[in-house]
Amino acid sequence: MPQERWASFLVTPETILRWHRVLVRRHWSYPHRSPGRPQLPEETIELIVCLARENPRWGYLRIVGELKKLGVTVSKGRVANVLGRQ
């Protein structure tokens, strides 16, 4: 666009470029999240450990089944990890 027609604009080219830079910066900024799955609630971990301590012959699959009966949904891998740390 010829420079003599720039006066018809309400904003300067620098303003348009600044708006564009802000738009691109806002579009490509990602929320900062911690990597991995969220941790189990502390009550659930305590319940898993308590069930394993009170019933030493139960495996992780049995503990998953008992937790499901109580309304707590936990995967067998998470229960195995909790028991492996104890």
N, C-alpha and C. Protein backbone atom coordinates (compact mmCIF):
# COMPACT_ATOMS: atom_id res chain seq x y z
N MET A 1 0.85 -1.17 0.00
CA MET A 1 0.00 0.00 0.00
C MET A 1 0.90 1.23 0.00
N PRO A 2 0.57 2.20 -0.82
CA PRO A 2 1.41 3.40 -0.88
C PRO A 2 1.40 4.16 0.45
N GLN A 3 2.50 4.82 0.73
CA GLN A 3 2.67 5.48 2.02
C GLN A 3 1.70 6.65 2.19
N GLU A 4 1.30 7.31 1.13
CA GLU A 4 0.36 8.44 1.27
C GLU A 4 -1.02 8.00 1.74
N ARG A 5 -1.37 6.73 1.58
CA ARG A 5 -2.67 6.24 2.04
C ARG A 5 -2.62 5.75 3.47
N TRP A 6 -1.44 5.73 4.10
CA TRP A 6 -1.32 5.27 5.49
C TRP A 6 -2.11 6.14 6.44
N ALA A 7 -2.33 7.38 6.09
CA ALA A 7 -3.04 8.30 6.99
C ALA A 7 -4.49 7.88 7.17
N SER A 8 -5.03 7.08 6.25
CA SER A 8 -6.42 6.64 6.39
C SER A 8 -6.59 5.59 7.48
N PHE A 9 -5.49 4.96 7.89
CA PHE A 9 -5.55 3.98 8.97
C PHE A 9 -5.60 4.69 10.32
N LEU A 10 -6.26 4.06 11.26
CA LEU A 10 -6.33 4.63 12.61
C LEU A 10 -5.13 4.22 13.46
N VAL A 11 -4.41 3.19 13.02
CA VAL A 11 -3.24 2.72 13.78
C VAL A 11 -2.03 2.70 12.86
N THR A 12 -0.87 2.70 13.46
CA THR A 12 0.37 2.68 12.67
C THR A 12 0.77 1.24 12.37
N PRO A 13 1.62 1.05 11.38
CA PRO A 13 2.08 -0.30 11.08
C PRO A 13 2.81 -0.95 12.25
N GLU A 14 3.50 -0.14 13.06
CA GLU A 14 4.18 -0.70 14.23
C GLU A 14 3.17 -1.29 15.21
N THR A 15 2.02 -0.64 15.35
CA THR A 15 0.99 -1.14 16.25
C THR A 15 0.45 -2.48 15.75
N ILE A 16 0.23 -2.58 14.46
CA ILE A 16 -0.27 -3.84 13.89
C ILE A 16 0.76 -4.95 14.09
N LEU A 17 2.03 -4.65 13.89
CA LEU A 17 3.08 -5.65 14.10
C LEU A 17 3.16 -6.05 15.58
N ARG A 18 3.01 -5.09 16.49
CA ARG A 18 3.04 -5.40 17.91
C ARG A 18 1.86 -6.29 18.29
N TRP A 19 0.67 -5.98 17.74
CA TRP A 19 -0.49 -6.83 18.00
C TRP A 19 -0.24 -8.25 17.51
N HIS A 20 0.36 -8.36 16.34
CA HIS A 20 0.62 -9.68 15.79
C HIS A 20 1.62 -10.44 16.67
N ARG A 21 2.68 -9.77 17.13
CA ARG A 21 3.66 -10.43 17.99
C ARG A 21 3.01 -10.92 19.28
N VAL A 22 2.14 -10.10 19.86
CA VAL A 22 1.44 -10.50 21.09
C VAL A 22 0.53 -11.70 20.82
N LEU A 23 -0.17 -11.66 19.70
CA LEU A 23 -1.07 -12.75 19.34
C LEU A 23 -0.29 -14.07 19.17
N VAL A 24 0.83 -14.01 18.47
CA VAL A 24 1.63 -15.21 18.26
C VAL A 24 2.21 -15.69 19.57
N ARG A 25 2.70 -14.78 20.41
CA ARG A 25 3.26 -15.17 21.71
C ARG A 25 2.21 -15.83 22.58
N ARG A 26 1.00 -15.31 22.58
CA ARG A 26 -0.07 -15.88 23.40
C ARG A 26 -0.52 -17.23 22.84
N HIS A 27 -0.52 -17.37 21.52
CA HIS A 27 -0.97 -18.63 20.91
C HIS A 27 0.00 -19.76 21.19
N TRP A 28 1.30 -19.49 21.18
CA TRP A 28 2.28 -20.56 21.31
C TRP A 28 2.78 -20.75 22.73
N SER A 29 2.17 -20.09 23.68
CA SER A 29 2.58 -20.34 25.07
C SER A 29 1.70 -21.45 25.63
N TYR A 30 2.34 -22.44 26.19
CA TYR A 30 1.63 -23.60 26.73
C TYR A 30 1.51 -23.47 28.24
N PRO A 31 0.45 -24.00 28.82
CA PRO A 31 0.37 -23.98 30.28
C PRO A 31 1.45 -24.87 30.88
N HIS A 32 1.99 -24.46 32.00
CA HIS A 32 3.05 -25.22 32.64
C HIS A 32 2.42 -26.29 33.53
N ARG A 33 2.60 -27.53 33.12
CA ARG A 33 2.08 -28.66 33.89
C ARG A 33 3.25 -29.56 34.27
N SER A 34 3.10 -30.21 35.38
CA SER A 34 4.13 -31.17 35.75
C SER A 34 3.94 -32.43 34.91
N PRO A 35 5.04 -33.08 34.51
CA PRO A 35 4.91 -34.25 33.65
C PRO A 35 4.40 -35.47 34.42
N GLY A 36 3.78 -36.37 33.72
CA GLY A 36 3.35 -37.63 34.32
C GLY A 36 1.91 -37.59 34.82
N ARG A 37 1.52 -38.70 35.39
CA ARG A 37 0.17 -38.83 35.92
C ARG A 37 0.06 -38.14 37.27
N PRO A 38 -1.15 -37.71 37.61
CA PRO A 38 -1.31 -37.14 38.95
C PRO A 38 -1.15 -38.22 40.01
N GLN A 39 -0.67 -37.82 41.18
CA GLN A 39 -0.45 -38.78 42.24
C GLN A 39 -1.77 -39.27 42.82
N LEU A 40 -1.71 -40.46 43.41
CA LEU A 40 -2.87 -40.99 44.12
C LEU A 40 -3.09 -40.17 45.39
N PRO A 41 -4.33 -40.02 45.79
CA PRO A 41 -4.56 -39.35 47.08
C PRO A 41 -3.90 -40.14 48.21
N GLU A 42 -3.47 -39.42 49.22
CA GLU A 42 -2.76 -40.04 50.35
C GLU A 42 -3.65 -41.07 51.06
N GLU A 43 -4.95 -40.82 51.12
CA GLU A 43 -5.86 -41.77 51.76
C GLU A 43 -5.89 -43.09 51.01
N THR A 44 -5.84 -43.03 49.68
CA THR A 44 -5.86 -44.25 48.88
C THR A 44 -4.58 -45.05 49.09
N ILE A 45 -3.45 -44.36 49.15
CA ILE A 45 -2.18 -45.05 49.38
C ILE A 45 -2.18 -45.71 50.75
N GLU A 46 -2.68 -45.00 51.76
CA GLU A 46 -2.76 -45.58 53.10
C GLU A 46 -3.68 -46.79 53.12
N LEU A 47 -4.78 -46.74 52.39
CA LEU A 47 -5.71 -47.86 52.33
C LEU A 47 -5.07 -49.07 51.66
N ILE A 48 -4.33 -48.85 50.60
CA ILE A 48 -3.64 -49.95 49.91
C ILE A 48 -2.63 -50.61 50.84
N VAL A 49 -1.86 -49.79 51.52
CA VAL A 49 -0.84 -50.32 52.43
C VAL A 49 -1.50 -51.06 53.59
N CYS A 50 -2.60 -50.51 54.11
CA CYS A 50 -3.30 -51.15 55.22
C CYS A 50 -3.87 -52.52 54.80
N LEU A 51 -4.48 -52.58 53.62
CA LEU A 51 -5.01 -53.85 53.13
C LEU A 51 -3.90 -54.87 52.93
N ALA A 52 -2.77 -54.43 52.41
CA ALA A 52 -1.66 -55.35 52.18
C ALA A 52 -1.05 -55.83 53.50
N ARG A 53 -0.99 -54.95 54.49
CA ARG A 53 -0.41 -55.32 55.78
C ARG A 53 -1.33 -56.28 56.54
N GLU A 54 -2.63 -56.02 56.50
CA GLU A 54 -3.58 -56.86 57.23
C GLU A 54 -3.83 -58.20 56.54
N ASN A 55 -3.60 -58.26 55.25
CA ASN A 55 -3.84 -59.48 54.47
C ASN A 55 -2.59 -59.80 53.66
N PRO A 56 -1.57 -60.37 54.26
CA PRO A 56 -0.30 -60.56 53.56
C PRO A 56 -0.36 -61.53 52.40
N ARG A 57 -1.37 -62.37 52.31
CA ARG A 57 -1.45 -63.34 51.22
C ARG A 57 -2.15 -62.77 49.99
N TRP A 58 -2.73 -61.57 50.12
CA TRP A 58 -3.40 -60.96 48.98
C TRP A 58 -2.38 -60.37 48.03
N GLY A 59 -2.63 -60.54 46.76
CA GLY A 59 -1.80 -59.89 45.74
C GLY A 59 -2.43 -58.56 45.32
N TYR A 60 -1.80 -57.92 44.37
CA TYR A 60 -2.30 -56.61 43.96
C TYR A 60 -3.64 -56.71 43.26
N LEU A 61 -3.91 -57.82 42.56
CA LEU A 61 -5.21 -57.96 41.89
C LEU A 61 -6.35 -58.07 42.91
N ARG A 62 -6.13 -58.80 43.98
CA ARG A 62 -7.15 -58.92 45.02
C ARG A 62 -7.38 -57.58 45.69
N ILE A 63 -6.32 -56.82 45.91
CA ILE A 63 -6.46 -55.50 46.53
C ILE A 63 -7.23 -54.57 45.60
N VAL A 64 -6.97 -54.65 44.29
CA VAL A 64 -7.73 -53.83 43.33
C VAL A 64 -9.21 -54.18 43.39
N GLY A 65 -9.53 -55.48 43.49
CA GLY A 65 -10.92 -55.90 43.60
C GLY A 65 -11.59 -55.41 44.86
N GLU A 66 -10.88 -55.48 45.97
CA GLU A 66 -11.45 -55.00 47.23
C GLU A 66 -11.66 -53.49 47.21
N LEU A 67 -10.71 -52.77 46.60
CA LEU A 67 -10.87 -51.32 46.50
C LEU A 67 -12.05 -50.95 45.60
N LYS A 68 -12.25 -51.74 44.55
CA LYS A 68 -13.38 -51.48 43.66
C LYS A 68 -14.70 -51.66 44.40
N LYS A 69 -14.76 -52.67 45.30
CA LYS A 69 -15.97 -52.87 46.10
C LYS A 69 -16.24 -51.67 47.01
N LEU A 70 -15.15 -51.00 47.43
CA LEU A 70 -15.30 -49.82 48.29
C LEU A 70 -15.55 -48.54 47.49
N GLY A 71 -15.56 -48.65 46.16
CA GLY A 71 -15.82 -47.49 45.32
C GLY A 71 -14.59 -46.71 44.94
N VAL A 72 -13.41 -47.30 45.13
CA VAL A 72 -12.15 -46.64 44.78
C VAL A 72 -11.60 -47.32 43.54
N THR A 73 -11.45 -46.57 42.45
CA THR A 73 -10.95 -47.14 41.21
C THR A 73 -9.46 -46.85 41.08
N VAL A 74 -8.68 -47.91 41.09
CA VAL A 74 -7.23 -47.82 40.97
C VAL A 74 -6.78 -48.94 40.04
N SER A 75 -5.81 -48.65 39.19
CA SER A 75 -5.33 -49.69 38.29
C SER A 75 -4.40 -50.64 39.03
N LYS A 76 -4.24 -51.84 38.46
CA LYS A 76 -3.38 -52.83 39.11
C LYS A 76 -1.92 -52.39 39.10
N GLY A 77 -1.54 -51.64 38.09
CA GLY A 77 -0.16 -51.16 38.04
C GLY A 77 0.15 -50.15 39.13
N ARG A 78 -0.84 -49.27 39.41
CA ARG A 78 -0.63 -48.29 40.47
C ARG A 78 -0.53 -48.99 41.84
N VAL A 79 -1.38 -50.01 42.06
CA VAL A 79 -1.33 -50.75 43.32
C VAL A 79 0.01 -51.48 43.43
N ALA A 80 0.47 -52.08 42.33
CA ALA A 80 1.76 -52.79 42.35
C ALA A 80 2.89 -51.82 42.64
N ASN A 81 2.84 -50.60 42.09
CA ASN A 81 3.88 -49.61 42.36
C ASN A 81 3.88 -49.19 43.83
N VAL A 82 2.68 -48.99 44.39
CA VAL A 82 2.60 -48.59 45.81
C VAL A 82 3.15 -49.71 46.68
N LEU A 83 2.79 -50.95 46.38
CA LEU A 83 3.28 -52.07 47.17
C LEU A 83 4.78 -52.28 46.98
N GLY A 84 5.29 -51.98 45.80
CA GLY A 84 6.72 -52.13 45.55
C GLY A 84 7.54 -51.11 46.31
N ARG A 85 6.97 -49.95 46.58
CA ARG A 85 7.68 -48.91 47.34
C ARG A 85 7.70 -49.20 48.83
N GLN A 86 6.81 -50.08 49.32
CA GLN A 86 6.72 -50.35 50.75
C GLN A 86 7.71 -51.38 51.18
